[in-house]
Amino acid sequence: MSVPDLLEPTGPNRSLYRSGRVARVRVDLMSTPTTDAHSESEQRPNPRDARDPAEFLLTMRRYLAWAGDWSYLELEYKCGGVVSAEKFRRALEGTELPGYVFLMAFVTACVGTDEGERLRWATAWHRLRRAARAAEDARLRAASEQDQS
């Protein structure tokens, strides 16, 4: 799934809280550095590159890091409480393709109400969902054919 020895973003850095460094770190959550839009979009993880649910979740974790590396609690707040922090943790650290409502809450939490981003993620999600359903249908057909013989 990923290159060995390469750490992927999976959630909040709780070590800052244990060391007490979080009290010394001053972060303005509303301001983000402005950069050239072209170079920024090149670095943005593209969900359409994902070929399976595992790659899609990896892209989601990379996208979260790109968008601001929010904690799960911050994601819950930023999506208006539609998805709980615990559900963000389970889904982003899991292996299953998340549901559509979860995906839209994730995109909203990461980048707000950008319709272009929502469309990119929804298109990739629908493609993977159709592929998963087709694979499941083929598996069920093969199993029923095997039972009949």
N, C-alpha and C. Protein backbone atom coordinates (compact mmCIF):
# COMPACT_ATOMS: atom_id res chain seq x y z
N MET A 1 0.81 -1.18 0.00
CA MET A 1 0.00 0.00 0.00
C MET A 1 0.86 1.26 0.00
N SER A 2 1.91 1.29 0.80
CA SER A 2 2.78 2.46 0.80
C SER A 2 4.23 1.99 0.79
N VAL A 3 5.10 2.92 0.51
CA VAL A 3 6.52 2.64 0.46
C VAL A 3 7.00 2.30 1.87
N PRO A 4 7.77 1.22 2.05
CA PRO A 4 8.26 0.89 3.38
C PRO A 4 9.04 2.06 3.99
N ASP A 5 8.95 2.18 5.28
CA ASP A 5 9.63 3.22 6.05
C ASP A 5 9.11 4.62 5.77
N LEU A 6 7.95 4.74 5.12
CA LEU A 6 7.36 6.04 4.85
C LEU A 6 6.12 6.18 5.73
N LEU A 7 6.14 7.17 6.60
CA LEU A 7 5.01 7.37 7.50
C LEU A 7 3.91 8.13 6.77
N GLU A 8 2.70 7.66 6.90
CA GLU A 8 1.56 8.31 6.30
C GLU A 8 0.77 9.02 7.39
N PRO A 9 0.15 10.15 7.07
CA PRO A 9 -0.65 10.83 8.08
C PRO A 9 -1.86 9.99 8.47
N THR A 10 -2.08 9.85 9.77
CA THR A 10 -3.22 9.05 10.23
C THR A 10 -4.09 9.79 11.23
N GLY A 11 -3.69 10.94 11.68
CA GLY A 11 -4.52 11.64 12.63
C GLY A 11 -3.75 12.62 13.47
N PRO A 12 -4.31 13.00 14.59
CA PRO A 12 -3.70 14.04 15.41
C PRO A 12 -2.40 13.57 16.05
N ASN A 13 -1.54 14.50 16.28
CA ASN A 13 -0.26 14.21 16.93
C ASN A 13 -0.44 14.37 18.42
N ARG A 14 -0.80 13.28 19.07
CA ARG A 14 -1.07 13.34 20.50
C ARG A 14 0.20 13.54 21.33
N SER A 15 1.37 13.32 20.75
CA SER A 15 2.60 13.49 21.50
C SER A 15 2.79 14.94 21.94
N LEU A 16 2.23 15.88 21.19
CA LEU A 16 2.33 17.28 21.61
C LEU A 16 1.62 17.50 22.94
N TYR A 17 0.50 16.82 23.15
CA TYR A 17 -0.24 16.99 24.39
C TYR A 17 0.50 16.36 25.57
N ARG A 18 1.11 15.19 25.34
CA ARG A 18 1.82 14.51 26.43
C ARG A 18 3.04 15.31 26.87
N SER A 19 3.72 15.95 25.93
CA SER A 19 4.94 16.67 26.27
C SER A 19 4.66 18.08 26.79
N GLY A 20 3.41 18.54 26.68
CA GLY A 20 3.09 19.89 27.11
C GLY A 20 3.44 20.94 26.07
N ARG A 21 3.93 20.50 24.92
CA ARG A 21 4.33 21.45 23.88
C ARG A 21 3.15 22.14 23.24
N VAL A 22 1.96 21.53 23.31
CA VAL A 22 0.81 22.15 22.67
C VAL A 22 0.49 23.50 23.29
N ALA A 23 0.78 23.67 24.58
CA ALA A 23 0.53 24.95 25.23
C ALA A 23 1.50 26.02 24.73
N ARG A 24 2.66 25.60 24.26
CA ARG A 24 3.66 26.55 23.78
C ARG A 24 3.55 26.81 22.28
N VAL A 25 2.77 26.00 21.57
CA VAL A 25 2.62 26.16 20.13
C VAL A 25 1.43 27.06 19.87
N ARG A 26 1.66 28.20 19.26
CA ARG A 26 0.58 29.13 18.94
C ARG A 26 0.25 28.98 17.46
N VAL A 27 -0.99 28.58 17.19
CA VAL A 27 -1.40 28.36 15.81
C VAL A 27 -2.68 29.13 15.55
N ASP A 28 -2.71 29.89 14.49
CA ASP A 28 -3.93 30.56 14.08
C ASP A 28 -4.60 29.66 13.05
N LEU A 29 -5.67 28.95 13.48
CA LEU A 29 -6.31 27.96 12.62
C LEU A 29 -6.99 28.55 11.41
N MET A 30 -7.35 29.80 11.44
CA MET A 30 -8.09 30.38 10.32
C MET A 30 -7.19 30.90 9.21
N SER A 31 -5.94 31.19 9.49
CA SER A 31 -5.08 31.71 8.45
C SER A 31 -4.23 30.59 7.86
N THR A 32 -4.13 30.60 6.56
CA THR A 32 -3.28 29.65 5.87
C THR A 32 -2.36 30.43 4.97
N PRO A 33 -1.14 29.96 4.82
CA PRO A 33 -0.22 30.71 3.97
C PRO A 33 -0.71 30.70 2.52
N THR A 34 -0.61 31.85 1.89
CA THR A 34 -1.02 31.92 0.49
C THR A 34 0.17 31.57 -0.38
N THR A 35 -0.08 30.73 -1.36
CA THR A 35 0.97 30.33 -2.29
C THR A 35 0.40 30.43 -3.69
N ASP A 36 1.25 30.24 -4.65
CA ASP A 36 0.82 30.23 -6.04
C ASP A 36 -0.20 29.11 -6.22
N ALA A 37 -1.38 29.43 -6.73
CA ALA A 37 -2.46 28.44 -6.85
C ALA A 37 -2.05 27.26 -7.73
N HIS A 38 -1.25 27.50 -8.74
CA HIS A 38 -0.85 26.42 -9.63
C HIS A 38 0.03 25.41 -8.90
N SER A 39 1.03 25.88 -8.15
CA SER A 39 1.90 24.94 -7.44
C SER A 39 1.15 24.24 -6.32
N GLU A 40 0.19 24.94 -5.69
CA GLU A 40 -0.60 24.35 -4.62
C GLU A 40 -1.46 23.20 -5.15
N SER A 41 -2.09 23.40 -6.29
CA SER A 41 -2.95 22.35 -6.84
C SER A 41 -2.14 21.15 -7.32
N GLU A 42 -0.91 21.36 -7.70
CA GLU A 42 -0.06 20.25 -8.12
C GLU A 42 0.28 19.35 -6.94
N GLN A 43 0.40 19.92 -5.75
CA GLN A 43 0.76 19.15 -4.57
C GLN A 43 -0.46 18.48 -3.93
N ARG A 44 -1.65 18.93 -4.30
CA ARG A 44 -2.89 18.41 -3.71
C ARG A 44 -3.11 16.96 -4.15
N PRO A 45 -3.30 16.04 -3.22
CA PRO A 45 -3.55 14.64 -3.58
C PRO A 45 -4.83 14.52 -4.42
N ASN A 46 -4.78 13.70 -5.44
CA ASN A 46 -5.90 13.56 -6.36
C ASN A 46 -6.62 12.24 -6.10
N PRO A 47 -7.89 12.29 -5.69
CA PRO A 47 -8.62 11.05 -5.40
C PRO A 47 -8.85 10.19 -6.64
N ARG A 48 -8.81 10.80 -7.81
CA ARG A 48 -9.04 10.03 -9.04
C ARG A 48 -7.90 9.07 -9.35
N ASP A 49 -6.76 9.24 -8.69
CA ASP A 49 -5.62 8.34 -8.90
C ASP A 49 -5.79 7.02 -8.15
N ALA A 50 -6.69 6.97 -7.18
CA ALA A 50 -6.89 5.76 -6.36
C ALA A 50 -7.52 4.66 -7.19
N ARG A 51 -6.94 3.45 -7.11
CA ARG A 51 -7.45 2.30 -7.87
C ARG A 51 -8.29 1.35 -7.03
N ASP A 52 -8.23 1.50 -5.71
CA ASP A 52 -9.00 0.63 -4.82
C ASP A 52 -9.27 1.37 -3.51
N PRO A 53 -10.12 0.82 -2.65
CA PRO A 53 -10.44 1.51 -1.40
C PRO A 53 -9.22 1.82 -0.53
N ALA A 54 -8.25 0.94 -0.49
CA ALA A 54 -7.06 1.20 0.32
C ALA A 54 -6.31 2.44 -0.18
N GLU A 55 -6.16 2.55 -1.50
CA GLU A 55 -5.49 3.73 -2.05
C GLU A 55 -6.34 4.99 -1.85
N PHE A 56 -7.65 4.84 -1.91
CA PHE A 56 -8.54 5.97 -1.69
C PHE A 56 -8.38 6.50 -0.27
N LEU A 57 -8.33 5.60 0.72
CA LEU A 57 -8.13 6.02 2.11
C LEU A 57 -6.76 6.64 2.32
N LEU A 58 -5.75 6.11 1.65
CA LEU A 58 -4.42 6.69 1.73
C LEU A 58 -4.44 8.11 1.16
N THR A 59 -5.15 8.29 0.05
CA THR A 59 -5.28 9.61 -0.54
C THR A 59 -6.03 10.55 0.40
N MET A 60 -7.04 10.03 1.09
CA MET A 60 -7.77 10.86 2.07
C MET A 60 -6.84 11.32 3.19
N ARG A 61 -6.00 10.41 3.68
CA ARG A 61 -5.06 10.79 4.76
C ARG A 61 -4.05 11.81 4.26
N ARG A 62 -3.57 11.63 3.04
CA ARG A 62 -2.63 12.61 2.47
C ARG A 62 -3.32 13.95 2.25
N TYR A 63 -4.58 13.90 1.83
CA TYR A 63 -5.35 15.13 1.60
C TYR A 63 -5.56 15.87 2.91
N LEU A 64 -5.83 15.14 3.96
CA LEU A 64 -5.99 15.73 5.28
C LEU A 64 -4.70 16.45 5.69
N ALA A 65 -3.57 15.83 5.47
CA ALA A 65 -2.28 16.46 5.78
C ALA A 65 -2.06 17.70 4.92
N TRP A 66 -2.43 17.60 3.64
CA TRP A 66 -2.29 18.74 2.74
C TRP A 66 -3.18 19.90 3.16
N ALA A 67 -4.41 19.61 3.57
CA ALA A 67 -5.39 20.64 3.88
C ALA A 67 -5.11 21.38 5.19
N GLY A 68 -4.38 20.76 6.09
CA GLY A 68 -4.11 21.44 7.36
C GLY A 68 -3.79 20.51 8.49
N ASP A 69 -3.81 19.21 8.23
CA ASP A 69 -3.48 18.21 9.24
C ASP A 69 -4.31 18.40 10.51
N TRP A 70 -5.63 18.57 10.32
CA TRP A 70 -6.54 18.78 11.43
C TRP A 70 -6.64 17.52 12.28
N SER A 71 -6.91 17.69 13.56
CA SER A 71 -7.17 16.56 14.43
C SER A 71 -8.58 16.06 14.13
N TYR A 72 -8.92 14.88 14.63
CA TYR A 72 -10.25 14.34 14.40
C TYR A 72 -11.31 15.22 15.05
N LEU A 73 -11.00 15.78 16.20
CA LEU A 73 -11.94 16.67 16.88
C LEU A 73 -12.15 17.95 16.07
N GLU A 74 -11.08 18.46 15.48
CA GLU A 74 -11.21 19.64 14.62
C GLU A 74 -12.03 19.33 13.38
N LEU A 75 -11.85 18.13 12.82
CA LEU A 75 -12.65 17.73 11.66
C LEU A 75 -14.13 17.70 12.03
N GLU A 76 -14.44 17.14 13.20
CA GLU A 76 -15.84 17.11 13.65
C GLU A 76 -16.41 18.53 13.73
N TYR A 77 -15.66 19.43 14.28
CA TYR A 77 -16.09 20.82 14.41
C TYR A 77 -16.26 21.47 13.04
N LYS A 78 -15.28 21.26 12.16
CA LYS A 78 -15.28 21.92 10.86
C LYS A 78 -16.37 21.40 9.92
N CYS A 79 -16.87 20.17 10.15
CA CYS A 79 -17.96 19.66 9.31
C CYS A 79 -19.31 19.92 9.96
N GLY A 80 -19.34 20.68 11.04
CA GLY A 80 -20.58 21.02 11.70
C GLY A 80 -21.16 19.90 12.53
N GLY A 81 -20.34 18.94 12.93
CA GLY A 81 -20.79 17.84 13.77
C GLY A 81 -21.55 16.75 13.02
N VAL A 82 -21.54 16.80 11.70
CA VAL A 82 -22.22 15.76 10.90
C VAL A 82 -21.58 14.40 11.15
N VAL A 83 -20.27 14.39 11.33
CA VAL A 83 -19.53 13.16 11.61
C VAL A 83 -18.74 13.38 12.90
N SER A 84 -18.78 12.40 13.79
CA SER A 84 -18.06 12.53 15.07
C SER A 84 -16.57 12.31 14.89
N ALA A 85 -15.80 12.80 15.85
CA ALA A 85 -14.35 12.61 15.83
C ALA A 85 -14.01 11.12 15.82
N GLU A 86 -14.75 10.33 16.59
CA GLU A 86 -14.49 8.89 16.66
C GLU A 86 -14.75 8.22 15.31
N LYS A 87 -15.79 8.65 14.61
CA LYS A 87 -16.08 8.07 13.30
C LYS A 87 -14.99 8.46 12.29
N PHE A 88 -14.49 9.70 12.38
CA PHE A 88 -13.37 10.10 11.53
C PHE A 88 -12.17 9.19 11.80
N ARG A 89 -11.88 8.94 13.07
CA ARG A 89 -10.74 8.10 13.42
C ARG A 89 -10.91 6.70 12.85
N ARG A 90 -12.08 6.07 13.10
CA ARG A 90 -12.32 4.71 12.63
C ARG A 90 -12.24 4.61 11.11
N ALA A 91 -12.83 5.56 10.43
CA ALA A 91 -12.86 5.49 8.96
C ALA A 91 -11.48 5.74 8.35
N LEU A 92 -10.80 6.78 8.81
CA LEU A 92 -9.51 7.13 8.21
C LEU A 92 -8.40 6.15 8.58
N GLU A 93 -8.55 5.43 9.68
CA GLU A 93 -7.57 4.43 10.05
C GLU A 93 -8.02 3.04 9.64
N GLY A 94 -9.18 2.94 9.00
CA GLY A 94 -9.73 1.65 8.60
C GLY A 94 -9.31 1.23 7.20
N THR A 95 -10.04 0.26 6.67
CA THR A 95 -9.71 -0.29 5.35
C THR A 95 -10.90 -0.27 4.39
N GLU A 96 -12.09 0.07 4.90
CA GLU A 96 -13.30 0.05 4.07
C GLU A 96 -13.54 1.41 3.43
N LEU A 97 -14.10 1.39 2.22
CA LEU A 97 -14.49 2.62 1.56
C LEU A 97 -15.57 3.30 2.40
N PRO A 98 -15.36 4.56 2.77
CA PRO A 98 -16.36 5.23 3.62
C PRO A 98 -17.64 5.53 2.85
N GLY A 99 -18.68 5.84 3.58
CA GLY A 99 -19.95 6.21 2.96
C GLY A 99 -19.89 7.60 2.34
N TYR A 100 -20.90 7.88 1.53
CA TYR A 100 -20.94 9.15 0.81
C TYR A 100 -21.09 10.35 1.75
N VAL A 101 -21.96 10.25 2.74
CA VAL A 101 -22.15 11.35 3.69
C VAL A 101 -20.85 11.64 4.43
N PHE A 102 -20.17 10.58 4.84
CA PHE A 102 -18.87 10.75 5.51
C PHE A 102 -17.90 11.48 4.58
N LEU A 103 -17.85 11.06 3.32
CA LEU A 103 -16.91 11.66 2.36
C LEU A 103 -17.19 13.16 2.20
N MET A 104 -18.45 13.52 2.06
CA MET A 104 -18.79 14.94 1.89
C MET A 104 -18.47 15.73 3.16
N ALA A 105 -18.66 15.15 4.32
CA ALA A 105 -18.30 15.81 5.58
C ALA A 105 -16.79 15.99 5.65
N PHE A 106 -16.04 14.99 5.20
CA PHE A 106 -14.57 15.06 5.19
C PHE A 106 -14.09 16.19 4.30
N VAL A 107 -14.62 16.26 3.08
CA VAL A 107 -14.20 17.31 2.14
C VAL A 107 -14.59 18.68 2.69
N THR A 108 -15.78 18.79 3.24
CA THR A 108 -16.22 20.06 3.84
C THR A 108 -15.29 20.46 4.97
N ALA A 109 -14.92 19.52 5.82
CA ALA A 109 -14.03 19.82 6.94
C ALA A 109 -12.65 20.24 6.45
N CYS A 110 -12.19 19.65 5.36
CA CYS A 110 -10.84 19.96 4.86
C CYS A 110 -10.77 21.28 4.10
N VAL A 111 -11.74 21.52 3.20
CA VAL A 111 -11.63 22.69 2.33
C VAL A 111 -12.88 23.56 2.26
N GLY A 112 -13.87 23.29 3.08
CA GLY A 112 -15.08 24.12 3.04
C GLY A 112 -16.05 23.66 1.97
N THR A 113 -16.74 24.59 1.38
CA THR A 113 -17.81 24.25 0.44
C THR A 113 -17.38 24.38 -1.02
N ASP A 114 -16.18 24.03 -1.34
CA ASP A 114 -15.66 24.10 -2.70
C ASP A 114 -16.33 23.00 -3.54
N GLU A 115 -17.23 23.39 -4.44
CA GLU A 115 -17.98 22.42 -5.24
C GLU A 115 -17.08 21.62 -6.18
N GLY A 116 -16.01 22.23 -6.66
CA GLY A 116 -15.07 21.52 -7.52
C GLY A 116 -14.41 20.35 -6.79
N GLU A 117 -14.03 20.59 -5.54
CA GLU A 117 -13.42 19.53 -4.74
C GLU A 117 -14.43 18.44 -4.43
N ARG A 118 -15.64 18.85 -4.08
CA ARG A 118 -16.69 17.86 -3.81
C ARG A 118 -16.91 16.97 -5.02
N LEU A 119 -16.94 17.56 -6.20
CA LEU A 119 -17.16 16.80 -7.43
C LEU A 119 -16.00 15.84 -7.69
N ARG A 120 -14.75 16.30 -7.50
CA ARG A 120 -13.58 15.42 -7.69
C ARG A 120 -13.68 14.19 -6.80
N TRP A 121 -13.96 14.42 -5.52
CA TRP A 121 -14.02 13.31 -4.57
C TRP A 121 -15.22 12.41 -4.83
N ALA A 122 -16.37 13.01 -5.13
CA ALA A 122 -17.57 12.21 -5.39
C ALA A 122 -17.39 11.34 -6.64
N THR A 123 -16.79 11.88 -7.67
CA THR A 123 -16.56 11.12 -8.90
C THR A 123 -15.68 9.91 -8.64
N ALA A 124 -14.59 10.12 -7.92
CA ALA A 124 -13.68 9.02 -7.60
C ALA A 124 -14.37 7.99 -6.71
N TRP A 125 -15.14 8.45 -5.73
CA TRP A 125 -15.86 7.55 -4.82
C TRP A 125 -16.87 6.70 -5.58
N HIS A 126 -17.65 7.32 -6.47
CA HIS A 126 -18.65 6.57 -7.24
C HIS A 126 -17.99 5.52 -8.13
N ARG A 127 -16.87 5.86 -8.73
CA ARG A 127 -16.15 4.90 -9.58
C ARG A 127 -15.71 3.68 -8.76
N LEU A 128 -15.14 3.91 -7.59
CA LEU A 128 -14.70 2.81 -6.74
C LEU A 128 -15.88 2.00 -6.21
N ARG A 129 -16.96 2.68 -5.88
CA ARG A 129 -18.16 2.01 -5.38
C ARG A 129 -18.76 1.09 -6.45
N ARG A 130 -18.83 1.58 -7.70
CA ARG A 130 -19.34 0.75 -8.80
C ARG A 130 -18.44 -0.47 -9.02
N ALA A 131 -17.13 -0.26 -8.95
CA ALA A 131 -16.19 -1.38 -9.15
C ALA A 131 -16.35 -2.41 -8.03
N ALA A 132 -16.52 -1.94 -6.80
CA ALA A 132 -16.70 -2.87 -5.67
C ALA A 132 -17.99 -3.66 -5.81
N ARG A 133 -19.05 -2.99 -6.24
CA ARG A 133 -20.33 -3.69 -6.43
C ARG A 133 -20.25 -4.70 -7.56
N ALA A 134 -19.56 -4.34 -8.65
CA ALA A 134 -19.41 -5.27 -9.77
C ALA A 134 -18.61 -6.50 -9.34
N ALA A 135 -17.56 -6.29 -8.56
CA ALA A 135 -16.75 -7.41 -8.08
C ALA A 135 -17.57 -8.31 -7.15
N GLU A 136 -18.39 -7.70 -6.30
CA GLU A 136 -19.23 -8.47 -5.39
C GLU A 136 -20.28 -9.27 -6.18
N ASP A 137 -20.88 -8.66 -7.20
CA ASP A 137 -21.86 -9.37 -8.04
C ASP A 137 -21.22 -10.55 -8.75
N ALA A 138 -20.00 -10.34 -9.27
CA ALA A 138 -19.30 -11.42 -9.95
C ALA A 138 -18.98 -12.55 -8.97
N ARG A 139 -18.59 -12.22 -7.76
CA ARG A 139 -18.28 -13.22 -6.75
C ARG A 139 -19.54 -14.03 -6.39
N LEU A 140 -20.66 -13.34 -6.24
CA LEU A 140 -21.91 -14.02 -5.92
C LEU A 140 -22.38 -14.92 -7.07
N ARG A 141 -22.22 -14.46 -8.31
CA ARG A 141 -22.58 -15.28 -9.47
C ARG A 141 -21.73 -16.54 -9.53
N ALA A 142 -20.43 -16.37 -9.30
CA ALA A 142 -19.53 -17.52 -9.34
C ALA A 142 -19.89 -18.50 -8.24
N ALA A 143 -20.23 -18.01 -7.06
CA ALA A 143 -20.59 -18.89 -5.94
C ALA A 143 -21.89 -19.62 -6.24
N SER A 144 -22.87 -18.96 -6.84
CA SER A 144 -24.14 -19.62 -7.15
C SER A 144 -23.98 -20.63 -8.27
N GLU A 145 -23.13 -20.35 -9.23
CA GLU A 145 -22.85 -21.30 -10.31
C GLU A 145 -22.15 -22.53 -9.76
N GLN A 146 -21.27 -22.32 -8.80
CA GLN A 146 -20.56 -23.44 -8.18
C GLN A 146 -21.51 -24.29 -7.36
N ASP A 147 -22.48 -23.68 -6.71
CA ASP A 147 -23.48 -24.41 -5.93
C ASP A 147 -24.41 -25.24 -6.83
N GLN A 148 -24.69 -24.74 -8.03
CA GLN A 148 -25.58 -25.43 -8.94
C GLN A 148 -24.93 -26.64 -9.61
N SER A 149 -23.62 -26.61 -9.68
CA SER A 149 -22.95 -27.74 -10.36
C SER A 149 -22.59 -28.87 -9.43
